[in-house]
Amino acid sequence: MPFLPHDVVETVIDILTQDDYPNFSSTKSCSLVCRDFLPICRKHIFASVGIINLRRSVNPTPPYVYIHRTSSSGFKILLATSPVIAGYIRDLKCCITAEDSEDGDLIAALKKITNLRSLTIFDVIGPSFRNWNTSQFRHAVVRLFRLHTFTDLSLHSGVEDFVIADLPPNLKNFKFDALFVLPYSAPHPPSSPIKIHTMTIGWGCESSIEQLCRARFEDGGPFIDFTNLNSLEITLFGSDDFKALQQLLQHCTGLVYLSIRSYEVWVPLAGLHKALFPSMHTFKHIQIETILERDDTDPYCGIADELESMSNKNVIEFIDIYIAISTDAERITGDEWGRLDTILTQSSWPHLQGVSLTIIIISHVRREDTFKEELTKMARIQFSGLSSRESVSFEFNVDEH
């Protein structure tokens, strides 16, 4: 009987799983065909594993194999009965409680993982573990951080004493919120700075940003090299957050994409162009989401001023602006909106390819309001320059929430 070599079979299954993503229903069936298929299929089925708590509100999404539990028992049983699976896990999401953080069996299970690429630690409802510095869980996780395969870390757990020196030496993509970082102190620092490529920063992190920027080796060199940072997303909840962002941007010399979100409260962005100056030769895409205060007469909340200050010295290609306006706010439907058109149709934007402006009306009571219609009509008059430029794609939308 003719047969296919094992490496050919593996290649065929690898290709088939691309169409079977993200549920892997066919791959799971294939794993039952014969013993030789099992490890090949497991490589895909268990590449992403999520451990969640049934008492917590989590929405399981493919391709993660979610292990539902009231404790970490499911994960421990899985690796205890089939330890070979630990070698297939590349992405791990877990909800860690204070009890879990001191669970010796869970820690032993984590130590079996050898090829992890990314780890997400999150806490959805209720108390989580807080004492990172004294937790047994820390030692198991730091071992994962030191794997040569590890590059992505997401911390969404409210850790109050994270140790900067624990950061993975090969960290490339870093997401965090509600993270409180201890001042840097490392008896055995890595031999070279950590070179982060992308960062996503959520709420409550202004002091952590400052600590990450200040961290230095004994010779004065930076512990984190931000010159490789090309993508930064941040949510601002106050002026202190913006000051921390400005400090971070001063260390970036190769930023390409910046997203600033401040929907919860208006945060003035005065001085943003100065903070971006070190990256002006690489900076191509800016996205800003903000909210218009009730008594503000500038519909762009200062964004237009910052863009004007960037003219003549930029390589910006795309500008996306989202402005939330309450129906209780000052109604601005006149020439004030045309300022963006005036600024961006000048010759000082030679690389500009696309501009999008989305106005989001937050309706509280007056559902019959005509504000949306007024703003939609305004676009034809106030953005005639951008709308008529063949070299620039302009999108204008008015949504109502």
Protein backbone atom coordinates (compact mmCIF):
# COMPACT_ATOMS: atom_id res chain seq x y z
CA MET A 1 0.00 0.00 0.00
CA PRO A 2 1.46 3.39 -0.93
CA PHE A 3 2.13 5.74 1.93
CA LEU A 4 3.20 9.31 2.47
CA PRO A 5 6.34 10.18 4.42
CA HIS A 6 5.70 11.53 7.90
CA ASP A 7 7.03 15.00 7.06
CA VAL A 8 4.67 15.24 4.08
CA VAL A 9 1.70 14.23 6.25
CA GLU A 10 2.69 16.87 8.79
CA THR A 11 2.91 19.52 6.08
CA VAL A 12 -0.52 18.56 4.73
CA ILE A 13 -2.11 18.77 8.19
CA ASP A 14 -0.38 22.09 8.86
CA ILE A 15 -1.89 23.49 5.67
CA LEU A 16 -5.35 22.08 6.39
CA THR A 17 -5.41 23.64 9.85
CA GLN A 18 -5.12 27.09 8.27
CA ASP A 19 -8.64 26.62 6.85
CA ASP A 20 -9.78 24.98 10.10
CA TYR A 21 -8.80 28.01 12.20
CA PRO A 22 -9.89 29.06 14.79
CA ASN A 23 -12.12 26.22 16.09
CA PHE A 24 -10.02 23.34 14.73
CA SER A 25 -13.06 21.05 14.56
CA SER A 26 -11.65 19.08 11.62
CA THR A 27 -8.20 19.00 13.20
CA LYS A 28 -9.67 17.48 16.35
CA SER A 29 -11.38 14.80 14.29
CA CYS A 30 -8.17 14.17 12.40
CA SER A 31 -6.31 13.59 15.67
CA LEU A 32 -8.50 10.52 16.28
CA VAL A 33 -7.68 8.85 12.94
CA CYS A 34 -4.41 7.27 14.00
CA ARG A 35 -1.70 7.53 16.62
CA ASP A 36 0.76 9.24 14.26
CA PHE A 37 -1.68 12.07 13.58
CA LEU A 38 -2.23 12.86 17.25
CA PRO A 39 0.98 14.83 18.02
CA ILE A 40 0.74 16.73 14.73
CA CYS A 41 -2.82 17.82 15.48
CA ARG A 42 -2.11 18.56 19.13
CA LYS A 43 0.52 21.04 18.01
CA HIS A 44 -2.29 23.19 16.63
CA ILE A 45 -5.11 22.36 19.05
CA PHE A 46 -3.10 23.20 22.16
CA ALA A 47 -1.00 26.03 20.74
CA SER A 48 -3.28 28.50 22.55
CA VAL A 49 -4.65 27.66 25.99
CA GLY A 50 -6.85 29.77 28.25
CA ILE A 51 -7.57 29.05 31.91
CA ILE A 52 -10.64 30.82 33.22
CA ASN A 53 -12.70 30.74 36.39
CA LEU A 54 -16.37 29.81 36.13
CA ARG A 55 -17.16 32.40 38.78
CA ARG A 56 -15.73 35.12 36.59
CA SER A 57 -17.16 36.82 33.54
CA VAL A 58 -14.97 35.84 30.60
CA ASN A 59 -15.95 35.42 26.98
CA PRO A 60 -14.07 32.38 25.61
CA THR A 61 -12.93 33.07 22.06
CA PRO A 62 -11.17 30.77 19.59
CA PRO A 63 -8.49 29.69 18.92
CA TYR A 64 -7.88 29.28 22.65
CA VAL A 65 -8.67 25.92 24.21
CA TYR A 66 -10.43 27.19 27.34
CA ILE A 67 -10.19 25.10 30.48
CA HIS A 68 -13.19 26.03 32.61
CA ARG A 69 -12.67 25.58 36.31
CA THR A 70 -13.43 26.80 39.80
CA SER A 71 -9.72 26.49 40.51
CA SER A 72 -6.71 25.63 38.37
CA SER A 73 -7.51 21.90 38.64
CA GLY A 74 -8.36 21.47 34.95
CA PHE A 75 -5.01 22.79 33.78
CA LYS A 76 -3.11 20.75 36.36
CA ILE A 77 -4.95 17.55 35.40
CA LEU A 78 -4.33 18.17 31.69
CA LEU A 79 -0.57 18.47 32.07
CA ALA A 80 -0.37 15.74 34.71
CA THR A 81 -2.10 13.17 32.49
CA SER A 82 -0.56 14.37 29.22
CA PRO A 83 2.69 16.20 30.03
CA VAL A 84 3.69 16.19 26.36
CA ILE A 85 0.99 18.84 25.76
CA ALA A 86 3.08 21.36 27.70
CA GLY A 87 5.54 21.43 24.82
CA TYR A 88 2.81 22.49 22.39
CA ILE A 89 1.57 25.51 24.35
CA ARG A 90 2.67 28.73 22.67
CA ASP A 91 0.11 31.22 23.97
CA LEU A 92 -1.31 31.08 27.48
CA LYS A 93 -4.10 33.18 28.97
CA CYS A 94 -4.92 32.73 32.62
CA CYS A 95 -7.03 34.27 35.33
CA ILE A 96 -4.99 34.09 38.53
CA THR A 97 -6.46 34.37 42.00
CA ALA A 98 -4.57 34.83 45.25
CA GLU A 99 -5.11 31.12 45.94
CA ASP A 100 -3.71 30.14 42.55
CA SER A 101 -0.60 32.23 43.06
CA GLU A 102 0.47 29.98 45.94
CA ASP A 103 -0.70 26.68 44.43
CA GLY A 104 2.31 24.38 44.25
CA ASP A 105 0.68 22.02 41.75
CA LEU A 106 -0.16 24.88 39.40
CA ILE A 107 3.37 26.19 39.65
CA ALA A 108 4.70 22.71 38.89
CA ALA A 109 2.43 22.52 35.83
CA LEU A 110 3.67 25.88 34.55
CA LYS A 111 7.25 24.68 34.87
CA LYS A 112 6.55 21.97 32.30
CA ILE A 113 5.94 24.54 29.55
CA THR A 114 9.01 24.86 27.33
CA ASN A 115 8.07 26.79 24.17
CA LEU A 116 5.82 29.60 25.35
CA ARG A 117 5.66 32.67 23.12
CA SER A 118 3.08 34.82 24.92
CA LEU A 119 1.44 35.06 28.33
CA THR A 120 -1.64 37.03 29.35
CA ILE A 121 -2.52 37.35 33.03
CA PHE A 122 -5.89 38.90 33.68
CA ASP A 123 -8.33 39.40 36.52
CA VAL A 124 -11.94 40.11 35.61
CA ILE A 125 -13.99 40.33 38.80
CA GLY A 126 -13.01 40.27 42.45
CA PRO A 127 -9.64 40.10 44.20
CA SER A 128 -6.66 38.76 42.33
CA PHE A 129 -3.13 38.15 43.43
CA ARG A 130 -1.39 41.40 44.27
CA ASN A 131 1.91 40.57 45.91
CA TRP A 132 3.98 39.76 42.87
CA ASN A 133 7.28 40.31 44.65
CA THR A 134 6.61 37.66 47.32
CA SER A 135 4.47 35.22 45.34
CA GLN A 136 5.62 31.70 44.48
CA PHE A 137 3.81 32.20 41.19
CA ARG A 138 6.35 34.86 40.29
CA HIS A 139 9.23 32.38 40.15
CA ALA A 140 7.36 30.04 37.80
CA VAL A 141 6.38 32.91 35.51
CA VAL A 142 9.87 34.43 35.47
CA ARG A 143 11.18 31.06 34.32
CA LEU A 144 8.75 31.31 31.38
CA PHE A 145 9.96 34.85 30.73
CA ARG A 146 13.50 33.54 30.33
CA LEU A 147 12.57 31.08 27.58
CA HIS A 148 14.23 32.04 24.29
CA THR A 149 10.83 31.73 22.58
CA PHE A 150 9.06 34.25 24.85
CA THR A 151 8.30 37.65 23.26
CA ASP A 152 4.77 38.81 24.23
CA LEU A 153 3.48 39.78 27.68
CA SER A 154 0.08 41.15 28.74
CA LEU A 155 -0.60 42.05 32.37
CA HIS A 156 -4.16 43.05 33.28
CA SER A 157 -4.34 41.93 36.86
CA GLY A 158 -3.74 44.88 39.16
CA VAL A 159 -0.31 43.71 40.29
CA GLU A 160 0.92 46.21 42.86
CA ASP A 161 4.62 45.47 43.11
CA PHE A 162 5.85 44.21 39.76
CA VAL A 163 9.63 43.97 39.50
CA ILE A 164 11.02 45.60 36.36
CA ALA A 165 14.02 43.29 36.37
CA ASP A 166 11.63 40.35 35.84
CA LEU A 167 10.66 41.55 32.36
CA PRO A 168 11.51 39.03 29.62
CA PRO A 169 14.89 39.77 28.02
CA ASN A 170 13.43 39.07 24.55
CA LEU A 171 10.22 41.05 25.13
CA LYS A 172 8.90 42.57 21.91
CA ASN A 173 5.21 43.23 22.59
CA PHE A 174 4.06 44.54 25.98
CA LYS A 175 0.47 45.25 27.08
CA PHE A 176 -0.49 46.32 30.58
CA ASP A 177 -2.98 48.20 32.68
CA ALA A 178 -3.55 48.65 36.42
CA LEU A 179 0.12 47.79 36.87
CA PHE A 180 2.20 49.25 39.67
CA VAL A 181 5.93 48.92 39.19
CA LEU A 182 8.57 48.97 41.89
CA PRO A 183 11.64 51.20 41.38
CA TYR A 184 14.24 49.37 39.33
CA SER A 185 16.74 47.25 41.21
CA ALA A 186 18.41 44.27 39.58
CA PRO A 187 21.31 42.31 41.07
CA HIS A 188 21.59 40.24 37.86
CA PRO A 189 20.40 42.36 34.93
CA PRO A 190 20.38 41.06 31.35
CA SER A 191 23.46 41.73 29.27
CA SER A 192 21.71 44.14 26.92
CA PRO A 193 18.64 46.44 27.05
CA ILE A 194 15.19 45.05 26.38
CA LYS A 195 14.08 46.19 22.91
CA ILE A 196 10.31 46.57 22.87
CA HIS A 197 8.58 46.95 19.49
CA THR A 198 4.93 47.51 20.47
CA MET A 199 3.21 48.71 23.64
CA THR A 200 -0.44 48.97 24.66
CA ILE A 201 -1.00 50.86 27.90
CA GLY A 202 -4.30 50.99 29.76
CA TRP A 203 -5.58 52.82 32.82
CA GLY A 204 -3.74 53.52 36.04
CA CYS A 205 -0.20 53.24 34.67
CA GLU A 206 1.31 56.73 34.75
CA SER A 207 3.75 55.87 37.56
CA SER A 208 4.65 52.58 35.86
CA ILE A 209 5.50 54.38 32.62
CA GLU A 210 7.80 56.71 34.53
CA GLN A 211 9.53 53.79 36.26
CA LEU A 212 10.05 51.99 32.95
CA CYS A 213 11.63 55.13 31.48
CA ARG A 214 13.88 55.71 34.48
CA ALA A 215 15.20 52.15 34.84
CA ARG A 216 18.96 52.14 34.32
CA PHE A 217 21.84 49.71 34.54
CA GLU A 218 24.66 50.47 36.94
CA ASP A 219 26.64 51.98 34.07
CA GLY A 220 23.79 54.43 33.37
CA GLY A 221 22.51 52.70 30.24
CA PRO A 222 18.73 52.24 29.84
CA PHE A 223 17.23 48.95 30.99
CA ILE A 224 14.63 49.28 28.21
CA ASP A 225 15.61 50.54 24.77
CA PHE A 226 12.59 52.40 23.38
CA THR A 227 14.32 53.34 20.13
CA ASN A 228 12.86 50.17 18.57
CA LEU A 229 9.31 51.01 19.64
CA ASN A 230 7.29 51.45 16.44
CA SER A 231 3.70 51.11 17.69
CA LEU A 232 2.21 52.66 20.84
CA GLU A 233 -1.40 52.62 22.03
CA ILE A 234 -2.38 54.36 25.26
CA THR A 235 -5.54 55.26 27.15
CA LEU A 236 -5.44 58.54 29.07
CA PHE A 237 -7.52 59.24 32.16
CA GLY A 238 -5.95 62.51 33.22
CA SER A 239 -3.18 65.04 32.72
CA ASP A 240 -0.72 62.88 34.67
CA ASP A 241 -1.16 60.12 32.10
CA PHE A 242 -0.37 62.57 29.31
CA LYS A 243 2.76 63.79 31.10
CA ALA A 244 3.92 60.18 31.39
CA LEU A 245 3.21 59.69 27.67
CA GLN A 246 5.29 62.76 26.83
CA GLN A 247 8.17 61.37 28.88
CA LEU A 248 7.94 58.03 27.08
CA LEU A 249 7.82 59.60 23.61
CA GLN A 250 11.04 61.49 24.32
CA HIS A 251 12.79 58.10 24.40
CA CYS A 252 11.28 56.95 21.08
CA THR A 253 13.16 57.67 17.87
CA GLY A 254 11.48 55.22 15.48
CA LEU A 255 7.78 55.43 16.28
CA VAL A 256 5.52 54.73 13.29
CA TYR A 257 2.05 54.46 14.85
CA LEU A 258 0.49 56.23 17.85
CA SER A 259 -3.03 55.76 19.18
CA ILE A 260 -4.30 57.98 22.01
CA ARG A 261 -7.68 57.31 23.58
CA SER A 262 -9.31 59.57 26.16
CA TYR A 263 -13.03 58.86 25.93
CA GLU A 264 -13.72 58.82 29.65
CA VAL A 265 -12.50 62.35 30.29
CA TRP A 266 -11.10 65.12 28.11
CA VAL A 267 -7.32 65.35 28.37
CA PRO A 268 -5.54 68.35 26.79
CA LEU A 269 -2.85 67.26 24.33
CA ALA A 270 -0.93 70.53 24.22
CA GLY A 271 2.72 69.80 23.50
CA LEU A 272 2.18 66.46 21.77
CA HIS A 273 4.05 67.64 18.67
CA LYS A 274 7.13 68.42 20.76
CA ALA A 275 7.09 64.98 22.38
CA LEU A 276 6.85 63.35 18.94
CA PHE A 277 9.75 65.33 17.51
CA PRO A 278 12.39 62.55 17.99
CA SER A 279 10.28 60.27 15.75
CA MET A 280 9.18 62.78 13.13
CA HIS A 281 11.33 61.15 10.45
CA THR A 282 9.52 57.79 10.90
CA PHE A 283 6.08 58.71 12.26
CA LYS A 284 3.37 57.81 9.70
CA HIS A 285 0.05 57.12 11.42
CA ILE A 286 -1.73 58.91 14.26
CA GLN A 287 -5.09 57.97 15.73
CA ILE A 288 -6.74 60.09 18.41
CA GLU A 289 -10.01 59.39 20.22
CA THR A 290 -11.27 62.11 22.55
CA ILE A 291 -14.39 63.68 24.02
CA LEU A 292 -15.64 67.24 23.63
CA GLU A 293 -16.36 68.98 26.93
CA ARG A 294 -19.64 70.82 27.35
CA ASP A 295 -18.20 74.33 27.27
CA ASP A 296 -15.40 73.73 24.75
CA THR A 297 -15.58 75.92 21.63
CA ASP A 298 -12.82 74.02 19.80
CA PRO A 299 -14.43 70.95 18.20
CA TYR A 300 -11.02 69.30 17.80
CA CYS A 301 -10.07 69.64 21.47
CA GLY A 302 -6.63 71.00 20.53
CA ILE A 303 -5.84 68.24 18.03
CA ALA A 304 -5.83 70.64 15.05
CA ASP A 305 -3.32 72.88 16.84
CA GLU A 306 -0.95 69.95 17.33
CA LEU A 307 -1.27 68.84 13.71
CA GLU A 308 -0.56 72.36 12.51
CA SER A 309 2.63 72.36 14.59
CA MET A 310 3.71 69.12 12.87
CA SER A 311 3.38 70.53 9.35
CA ASN A 312 6.46 71.04 7.15
CA LYS A 313 8.45 68.49 9.14
CA ASN A 314 6.60 65.20 8.93
CA VAL A 315 6.17 62.01 6.91
CA ILE A 316 2.65 61.36 8.22
CA GLU A 317 0.52 59.27 5.87
CA PHE A 318 -2.67 58.60 7.85
CA ILE A 319 -4.66 60.63 10.38
CA ASP A 320 -7.68 59.15 12.16
CA ILE A 321 -9.70 61.31 14.55
CA TYR A 322 -12.65 60.19 16.66
CA ILE A 323 -14.51 62.83 18.65
CA ALA A 324 -17.31 61.98 21.07
CA ILE A 325 -19.82 64.78 21.59
CA SER A 326 -22.57 64.77 24.17
CA THR A 327 -25.94 66.19 23.14
CA ASP A 328 -25.55 68.42 26.19
CA ALA A 329 -22.32 69.91 24.83
CA GLU A 330 -21.94 73.21 23.00
CA ARG A 331 -23.31 72.71 19.49
CA ILE A 332 -20.59 73.46 17.00
CA THR A 333 -21.67 73.02 13.39
CA GLY A 334 -19.98 75.96 11.70
CA ASP A 335 -16.64 77.11 10.36
CA GLU A 336 -14.75 75.83 13.40
CA TRP A 337 -14.77 72.36 11.85
CA GLY A 338 -13.21 73.67 8.64
CA ARG A 339 -9.90 74.35 10.33
CA LEU A 340 -8.79 70.75 9.88
CA ASP A 341 -9.47 71.03 6.15
CA THR A 342 -7.44 74.25 5.95
CA ILE A 343 -4.45 72.73 7.76
CA LEU A 344 -4.31 69.41 5.93
CA THR A 345 -4.75 70.78 2.39
CA GLN A 346 -1.54 72.77 2.61
CA SER A 347 1.58 71.63 0.76
CA SER A 348 3.25 70.91 4.10
CA TRP A 349 1.77 67.37 4.11
CA PRO A 350 3.52 65.78 1.12
CA HIS A 351 3.11 62.17 2.29
CA LEU A 352 -0.52 62.33 3.41
CA GLN A 353 -2.64 59.51 1.95
CA GLY A 354 -5.69 59.21 4.17
CA VAL A 355 -7.72 61.25 6.67
CA SER A 356 -10.75 60.03 8.58
CA LEU A 357 -12.93 62.03 10.94
CA THR A 358 -15.62 60.27 12.94
CA ILE A 359 -17.98 62.22 15.18
CA ILE A 360 -19.76 60.12 17.77
CA ILE A 361 -22.87 61.71 19.25
CA ILE A 362 -23.62 60.46 22.75
CA SER A 363 -27.37 60.82 23.16
CA HIS A 364 -28.58 60.87 26.74
CA VAL A 365 -32.21 61.95 26.52
CA ARG A 366 -33.16 63.79 23.34
CA ARG A 367 -33.54 60.97 20.84
CA GLU A 368 -35.40 63.23 18.39
CA ASP A 369 -32.38 65.54 18.20
CA THR A 370 -31.35 66.82 14.74
CA PHE A 371 -27.69 67.24 15.71
CA LYS A 372 -26.58 64.29 13.57
CA GLU A 373 -28.28 65.70 10.49
CA GLU A 374 -26.72 69.12 11.07
CA LEU A 375 -23.22 67.65 11.35
CA THR A 376 -23.67 65.47 8.28
CA LYS A 377 -24.72 68.45 6.16
CA MET A 378 -21.79 70.46 7.49
CA ALA A 379 -19.29 68.05 5.92
CA ARG A 380 -20.09 69.13 2.37
CA ILE A 381 -19.12 72.71 3.18
CA GLN A 382 -16.35 72.44 5.75
CA PHE A 383 -14.30 69.65 4.14
CA SER A 384 -14.48 70.55 0.47
CA GLY A 385 -10.68 70.70 0.17
CA LEU A 386 -9.99 67.22 1.56
CA SER A 387 -12.96 65.74 -0.28
CA SER A 388 -11.70 66.99 -3.65
CA ARG A 389 -8.06 65.95 -3.31
CA GLU A 390 -7.29 62.98 -5.53
CA SER A 391 -4.13 62.07 -3.63
CA VAL A 392 -5.86 61.87 -0.24
CA SER A 393 -8.66 59.53 0.77
CA PHE A 394 -11.05 61.40 3.08
CA GLU A 395 -13.74 59.71 5.16
CA PHE A 396 -16.29 61.54 7.27
CA ASN A 397 -18.79 59.72 9.48
CA VAL A 398 -21.31 60.70 12.11
CA ASP A 399 -22.45 57.92 14.45
CA GLU A 400 -24.94 58.05 17.27
CA HIS A 401 -24.64 56.03 20.47
